[in-house]
């Protein structure tokens, strides 16, 4: 695991926990916090970290308010929340 991936994972968990299960974060929130001006370069990695955290049962990924399978093929905006 690289340092950016580790930082994204930690940031996603911290931000999602801070907001609680009734709210959520966008992967871009974590990418901005970790990457600064280069945050767009981290978006794919942030989404993949969200998938891994969802597989581990630490977060849920939602799309249009519905929980999505982290192993499914999905496109478009997602949100991340604690379980």
C-alpha atoms as a PDB file:
ATOM      1  CA  UNK A   1       0.000   0.000   0.000  1.00  0.00           C
ATOM      2  CA  UNK A   2       1.433   3.348  -1.060  1.00  0.00           C
ATOM      3  CA  UNK A   3       1.403   6.466   1.071  1.00  0.00           C
ATOM      4  CA  UNK A   4      -1.370   8.162  -0.959  1.00  0.00           C
ATOM      5  CA  UNK A   5      -3.563   5.071  -0.653  1.00  0.00           C
ATOM      6  CA  UNK A   6      -2.891   4.864   3.084  1.00  0.00           C
ATOM      7  CA  UNK A   7      -3.662   8.577   3.492  1.00  0.00           C
ATOM      8  CA  UNK A   8      -6.863   8.272   1.461  1.00  0.00           C
ATOM      9  CA  UNK A   9      -8.021   5.269   3.468  1.00  0.00           C
ATOM     10  CA  UNK A  10      -7.376   7.043   6.765  1.00  0.00           C
ATOM     11  CA  UNK A  11      -8.997  10.262   5.562  1.00  0.00           C
ATOM     12  CA  UNK A  12     -12.108   8.500   4.235  1.00  0.00           C
ATOM     13  CA  UNK A  13     -12.596   6.690   7.543  1.00  0.00           C
ATOM     14  CA  UNK A  14     -11.991   9.803   9.651  1.00  0.00           C
ATOM     15  CA  UNK A  15     -14.283  12.004   7.579  1.00  0.00           C
ATOM     16  CA  UNK A  16     -17.065   9.418   7.370  1.00  0.00           C
ATOM     17  CA  UNK A  17     -16.901   8.699  11.105  1.00  0.00           C
ATOM     18  CA  UNK A  18     -16.991  12.409  11.876  1.00  0.00           C
ATOM     19  CA  UNK A  19     -20.177  12.801   9.813  1.00  0.00           C
ATOM     20  CA  UNK A  20     -21.785   9.656  11.252  1.00  0.00           C
ATOM     21  CA  UNK A  21     -24.067   7.057   9.635  1.00  0.00           C
ATOM     22  CA  UNK A  22     -26.841   9.550   8.884  1.00  0.00           C
ATOM     23  CA  UNK A  23     -24.591  11.595   6.589  1.00  0.00           C
ATOM     24  CA  UNK A  24     -21.967  10.827   3.964  1.00  0.00           C
ATOM     25  CA  UNK A  25     -18.894  12.093   2.170  1.00  0.00           C
ATOM     26  CA  UNK A  26     -17.900  12.186  -1.463  1.00  0.00           C
ATOM     27  CA  UNK A  27     -14.645  10.511  -2.530  1.00  0.00           C
ATOM     28  CA  UNK A  28     -13.577  13.948  -3.773  1.00  0.00           C
ATOM     29  CA  UNK A  29     -13.688  15.244  -0.176  1.00  0.00           C
ATOM     30  CA  UNK A  30     -10.940  12.789   0.764  1.00  0.00           C
ATOM     31  CA  UNK A  31      -9.026  13.351  -2.485  1.00  0.00           C
ATOM     32  CA  UNK A  32      -9.026  17.126  -1.876  1.00  0.00           C
ATOM     33  CA  UNK A  33      -7.847  16.676   1.716  1.00  0.00           C
ATOM     34  CA  UNK A  34      -4.972  14.413   0.663  1.00  0.00           C
ATOM     35  CA  UNK A  35      -4.040  15.767  -2.760  1.00  0.00           C
ATOM     36  CA  UNK A  36      -4.511  19.510  -2.473  1.00  0.00           C
ATOM     37  CA  UNK A  37      -4.427  21.095  -5.938  1.00  0.00           C
ATOM     38  CA  UNK A  38      -3.720  17.699  -7.522  1.00  0.00           C
ATOM     39  CA  UNK A  39      -6.813  16.073  -5.988  1.00  0.00           C
ATOM     40  CA  UNK A  40      -8.314  15.066  -9.351  1.00  0.00           C
ATOM     41  CA  UNK A  41      -5.377  12.714  -9.903  1.00  0.00           C
ATOM     42  CA  UNK A  42      -6.449  10.800  -6.773  1.00  0.00           C
ATOM     43  CA  UNK A  43     -10.113  10.295  -7.658  1.00  0.00           C
ATOM     44  CA  UNK A  44      -9.789   6.772  -9.077  1.00  0.00           C
ATOM     45  CA  UNK A  45      -7.689   5.774  -6.096  1.00  0.00           C
ATOM     46  CA  UNK A  46     -10.194   7.328  -3.662  1.00  0.00           C
ATOM     47  CA  UNK A  47     -13.057   5.395  -5.255  1.00  0.00           C
ATOM     48  CA  UNK A  48     -11.023   2.179  -5.093  1.00  0.00           C
ATOM     49  CA  UNK A  49     -10.224   2.810  -1.420  1.00  0.00           C
ATOM     50  CA  UNK A  50     -13.955   3.235  -0.817  1.00  0.00           C
ATOM     51  CA  UNK A  51     -14.578  -0.146  -2.501  1.00  0.00           C
ATOM     52  CA  UNK A  52     -11.942  -1.818  -0.323  1.00  0.00           C
ATOM     53  CA  UNK A  53     -13.336  -0.265   2.858  1.00  0.00           C
ATOM     54  CA  UNK A  54     -16.845  -1.362   1.877  1.00  0.00           C
ATOM     55  CA  UNK A  55     -15.633  -4.917   1.228  1.00  0.00           C
ATOM     56  CA  UNK A  56     -14.080  -4.894   4.706  1.00  0.00           C
ATOM     57  CA  UNK A  57     -17.406  -3.764   6.189  1.00  0.00           C
ATOM     58  CA  UNK A  58     -16.072  -0.441   7.447  1.00  0.00           C
ATOM     59  CA  UNK A  59     -18.210   1.818   5.224  1.00  0.00           C
ATOM     60  CA  UNK A  60     -21.132   1.646   2.838  1.00  0.00           C
ATOM     61  CA  UNK A  61     -21.114   3.066  -0.657  1.00  0.00           C
ATOM     62  CA  UNK A  62     -24.365   4.624  -1.793  1.00  0.00           C
ATOM     63  CA  UNK A  63     -25.658   5.877  -5.071  1.00  0.00           C
ATOM     64  CA  UNK A  64     -28.918   7.831  -5.201  1.00  0.00           C
ATOM     65  CA  UNK A  65     -29.434   6.920  -1.542  1.00  0.00           C
ATOM     66  CA  UNK A  66     -29.223   3.153  -2.112  1.00  0.00           C
ATOM     67  CA  UNK A  67     -26.363   0.964  -0.889  1.00  0.00           C
ATOM     68  CA  UNK A  68     -24.416  -0.500  -3.806  1.00  0.00           C
ATOM     69  CA  UNK A  69     -22.302  -3.644  -3.964  1.00  0.00           C
ATOM     70  CA  UNK A  70     -18.612  -2.653  -3.870  1.00  0.00           C
ATOM     71  CA  UNK A  71     -17.856  -5.422  -6.383  1.00  0.00           C
ATOM     72  CA  UNK A  72     -20.533  -4.352  -8.857  1.00  0.00           C
ATOM     73  CA  UNK A  73     -19.820  -2.266 -11.912  1.00  0.00           C
ATOM     74  CA  UNK A  74     -21.222   1.206 -11.248  1.00  0.00           C
ATOM     75  CA  UNK A  75     -20.675   4.598 -12.718  1.00  0.00           C
ATOM     76  CA  UNK A  76     -21.487   8.091 -11.668  1.00  0.00           C
ATOM     77  CA  UNK A  77     -21.415   9.884  -8.331  1.00  0.00           C
ATOM     78  CA  UNK A  78     -21.161   7.869  -5.133  1.00  0.00           C
ATOM     79  CA  UNK A  79     -21.267   8.713  -1.461  1.00  0.00           C
ATOM     80  CA  UNK A  80     -19.499   7.002   1.435  1.00  0.00           C
ATOM     81  CA  UNK A  81     -20.920   6.603   4.939  1.00  0.00           C
ATOM     82  CA  UNK A  82     -20.109   4.642   8.062  1.00  0.00           C
ATOM     83  CA  UNK A  83     -22.126   1.550   8.822  1.00  0.00           C
END
